[in-house]
Amino acid sequence: MRRGYDEATKQRDMRLNRLANTATEAAVKVEGAAAKAEAAAGTATEAAKTAGTAADKVNEVLERQTP
């Protein structure tokens, strides 16, 4: 009886360890994805600033050409 309990406990511990390892790997992947998303957001912000500057310059040129 004790042997069966010990084996069941061992199997449970192995499953819990696998689950913990899987959760840790998933957390690492999520952190990596978050870092990439943050970098992409920074790039998008810079692109928006550049587009805004270009639009301002176009408006200035158009204002100078309008009689």
N, C-alpha and C. Protein backbone atom coordinates (compact mmCIF):
# COMPACT_ATOMS: atom_id res chain seq x y z
N MET A 1 0.82 -1.19 0.00
CA MET A 1 0.00 0.00 0.00
C MET A 1 0.87 1.26 0.00
N ARG A 2 1.87 1.24 0.86
CA ARG A 2 2.77 2.39 0.94
C ARG A 2 3.53 2.59 -0.38
N ARG A 3 3.91 1.50 -1.01
CA ARG A 3 4.64 1.57 -2.27
C ARG A 3 3.78 2.25 -3.35
N GLY A 4 2.50 1.92 -3.39
CA GLY A 4 1.58 2.53 -4.35
C GLY A 4 1.43 4.02 -4.11
N TYR A 5 1.34 4.40 -2.84
CA TYR A 5 1.24 5.82 -2.49
C TYR A 5 2.50 6.56 -2.90
N ASP A 6 3.66 5.97 -2.61
CA ASP A 6 4.93 6.60 -2.97
C ASP A 6 5.05 6.77 -4.48
N GLU A 7 4.63 5.77 -5.23
CA GLU A 7 4.69 5.86 -6.69
C GLU A 7 3.74 6.94 -7.21
N ALA A 8 2.54 7.00 -6.64
CA ALA A 8 1.58 8.03 -7.05
C ALA A 8 2.12 9.42 -6.74
N THR A 9 2.74 9.56 -5.58
CA THR A 9 3.33 10.85 -5.19
C THR A 9 4.47 11.22 -6.14
N LYS A 10 5.28 10.25 -6.48
CA LYS A 10 6.39 10.48 -7.41
C LYS A 10 5.86 10.93 -8.77
N GLN A 11 4.83 10.24 -9.27
CA GLN A 11 4.23 10.60 -10.56
C GLN A 11 3.64 12.02 -10.52
N ARG A 12 2.96 12.33 -9.41
CA ARG A 12 2.39 13.67 -9.25
C ARG A 12 3.48 14.72 -9.26
N ASP A 13 4.57 14.47 -8.53
CA ASP A 13 5.68 15.42 -8.48
C ASP A 13 6.30 15.62 -9.86
N MET A 14 6.42 14.56 -10.63
CA MET A 14 6.97 14.68 -11.97
C MET A 14 6.06 15.52 -12.87
N ARG A 15 4.75 15.31 -12.75
CA ARG A 15 3.81 16.11 -13.54
C ARG A 15 3.87 17.58 -13.13
N LEU A 16 3.95 17.82 -11.83
CA LEU A 16 4.04 19.20 -11.36
C LEU A 16 5.33 19.87 -11.83
N ASN A 17 6.42 19.13 -11.83
CA ASN A 17 7.69 19.68 -12.32
C ASN A 17 7.60 20.02 -13.80
N ARG A 18 7.00 19.14 -14.59
CA ARG A 18 6.84 19.42 -16.02
C ARG A 18 5.96 20.65 -16.23
N LEU A 19 4.90 20.74 -15.44
CA LEU A 19 4.01 21.89 -15.54
C LEU A 19 4.75 23.18 -15.18
N ALA A 20 5.53 23.13 -14.11
CA ALA A 20 6.30 24.31 -13.69
C ALA A 20 7.30 24.72 -14.77
N ASN A 21 7.96 23.74 -15.37
CA ASN A 21 8.92 24.05 -16.44
C ASN A 21 8.22 24.66 -17.64
N THR A 22 7.08 24.11 -18.00
CA THR A 22 6.31 24.64 -19.13
C THR A 22 5.86 26.07 -18.84
N ALA A 23 5.40 26.32 -17.63
CA ALA A 23 4.96 27.66 -17.26
C ALA A 23 6.12 28.65 -17.30
N THR A 24 7.28 28.22 -16.85
CA THR A 24 8.46 29.08 -16.88
C THR A 24 8.85 29.41 -18.32
N GLU A 25 8.85 28.41 -19.18
CA GLU A 25 9.17 28.64 -20.59
C GLU A 25 8.16 29.59 -21.23
N ALA A 26 6.90 29.44 -20.89
CA ALA A 26 5.87 30.32 -21.43
C ALA A 26 6.08 31.75 -20.95
N ALA A 27 6.45 31.92 -19.69
CA ALA A 27 6.69 33.25 -19.15
C ALA A 27 7.86 33.93 -19.87
N VAL A 28 8.90 33.17 -20.15
CA VAL A 28 10.05 33.72 -20.87
C VAL A 28 9.62 34.18 -22.27
N LYS A 29 8.80 33.37 -22.94
CA LYS A 29 8.33 33.74 -24.27
C LYS A 29 7.45 34.99 -24.22
N VAL A 30 6.61 35.09 -23.20
CA VAL A 30 5.74 36.26 -23.06
C VAL A 30 6.58 37.51 -22.82
N GLU A 31 7.61 37.40 -21.98
CA GLU A 31 8.49 38.54 -21.74
C GLU A 31 9.19 38.97 -23.02
N GLY A 32 9.63 38.00 -23.81
CA GLY A 32 10.27 38.32 -25.09
C GLY A 32 9.31 39.02 -26.04
N ALA A 33 8.08 38.52 -26.09
CA ALA A 33 7.07 39.14 -26.95
C ALA A 33 6.75 40.55 -26.49
N ALA A 34 6.70 40.76 -25.18
CA ALA A 34 6.42 42.09 -24.65
C ALA A 34 7.54 43.06 -25.01
N ALA A 35 8.78 42.60 -24.94
CA ALA A 35 9.91 43.46 -25.31
C ALA A 35 9.84 43.82 -26.79
N LYS A 36 9.49 42.85 -27.63
CA LYS A 36 9.36 43.13 -29.07
C LYS A 36 8.22 44.11 -29.33
N ALA A 37 7.12 43.94 -28.61
CA ALA A 37 5.98 44.84 -28.79
C ALA A 37 6.34 46.26 -28.36
N GLU A 38 7.10 46.36 -27.28
CA GLU A 38 7.54 47.68 -26.81
C GLU A 38 8.44 48.35 -27.84
N ALA A 39 9.35 47.58 -28.42
CA ALA A 39 10.23 48.11 -29.46
C ALA A 39 9.43 48.54 -30.68
N ALA A 40 8.44 47.74 -31.05
CA ALA A 40 7.60 48.09 -32.20
C ALA A 40 6.80 49.36 -31.93
N ALA A 41 6.34 49.52 -30.71
CA ALA A 41 5.60 50.73 -30.35
C ALA A 41 6.50 51.95 -30.45
N GLY A 42 7.74 51.81 -30.01
CA GLY A 42 8.69 52.91 -30.13
C GLY A 42 8.94 53.27 -31.59
N THR A 43 9.08 52.27 -32.43
CA THR A 43 9.29 52.51 -33.86
C THR A 43 8.07 53.19 -34.47
N ALA A 44 6.89 52.75 -34.08
CA ALA A 44 5.66 53.36 -34.60
C ALA A 44 5.55 54.81 -34.16
N THR A 45 5.95 55.10 -32.94
CA THR A 45 5.91 56.48 -32.44
C THR A 45 6.85 57.36 -33.25
N GLU A 46 8.05 56.86 -33.50
CA GLU A 46 9.01 57.62 -34.31
C GLU A 46 8.48 57.83 -35.73
N ALA A 47 7.87 56.81 -36.30
CA ALA A 47 7.30 56.94 -37.65
C ALA A 47 6.19 57.99 -37.67
N ALA A 48 5.38 58.01 -36.63
CA ALA A 48 4.29 58.99 -36.56
C ALA A 48 4.86 60.40 -36.45
N LYS A 49 5.92 60.57 -35.66
CA LYS A 49 6.55 61.89 -35.54
C LYS A 49 7.11 62.34 -36.89
N THR A 50 7.77 61.42 -37.59
CA THR A 50 8.34 61.74 -38.90
C THR A 50 7.24 62.10 -39.89
N ALA A 51 6.15 61.36 -39.87
CA ALA A 51 5.03 61.65 -40.76
C ALA A 51 4.42 63.01 -40.43
N GLY A 52 4.33 63.33 -39.16
CA GLY A 52 3.81 64.63 -38.75
C GLY A 52 4.70 65.77 -39.22
N THR A 53 6.00 65.59 -39.10
CA THR A 53 6.95 66.60 -39.56
C THR A 53 6.84 66.78 -41.07
N ALA A 54 6.73 65.67 -41.80
CA ALA A 54 6.58 65.75 -43.25
C ALA A 54 5.29 66.47 -43.63
N ALA A 55 4.22 66.18 -42.93
CA ALA A 55 2.94 66.84 -43.21
C ALA A 55 3.04 68.34 -42.95
N ASP A 56 3.73 68.72 -41.88
CA ASP A 56 3.92 70.15 -41.58
C ASP A 56 4.69 70.83 -42.71
N LYS A 57 5.72 70.18 -43.21
CA LYS A 57 6.52 70.77 -44.30
C LYS A 57 5.69 70.91 -45.57
N VAL A 58 4.87 69.91 -45.86
CA VAL A 58 4.00 69.98 -47.04
C VAL A 58 3.03 71.15 -46.88
N ASN A 59 2.47 71.30 -45.70
CA ASN A 59 1.54 72.41 -45.46
C ASN A 59 2.23 73.75 -45.63
N GLU A 60 3.47 73.88 -45.17
CA GLU A 60 4.21 75.13 -45.33
C GLU A 60 4.42 75.45 -46.80
N VAL A 61 4.79 74.44 -47.59
CA VAL A 61 5.00 74.64 -49.02
C VAL A 61 3.70 75.06 -49.69
N LEU A 62 2.61 74.39 -49.34
CA LEU A 62 1.32 74.73 -49.94
C LEU A 62 0.88 76.14 -49.57
N GLU A 63 1.14 76.55 -48.35
CA GLU A 63 0.76 77.90 -47.92
C GLU A 63 1.56 78.95 -48.68
N ARG A 64 2.82 78.67 -48.97
CA ARG A 64 3.65 79.62 -49.72
C ARG A 64 3.19 79.73 -51.17
N GLN A 65 2.67 78.66 -51.72
CA GLN A 65 2.26 78.66 -53.13
C GLN A 65 0.86 79.22 -53.33
N THR A 66 0.07 79.26 -52.30
CA THR A 66 -1.30 79.76 -52.42
C THR A 66 -1.26 81.28 -52.47
N PRO A 67 -1.89 81.88 -53.51
CA PRO A 67 -1.85 83.35 -53.63
C PRO A 67 -2.68 84.05 -52.58
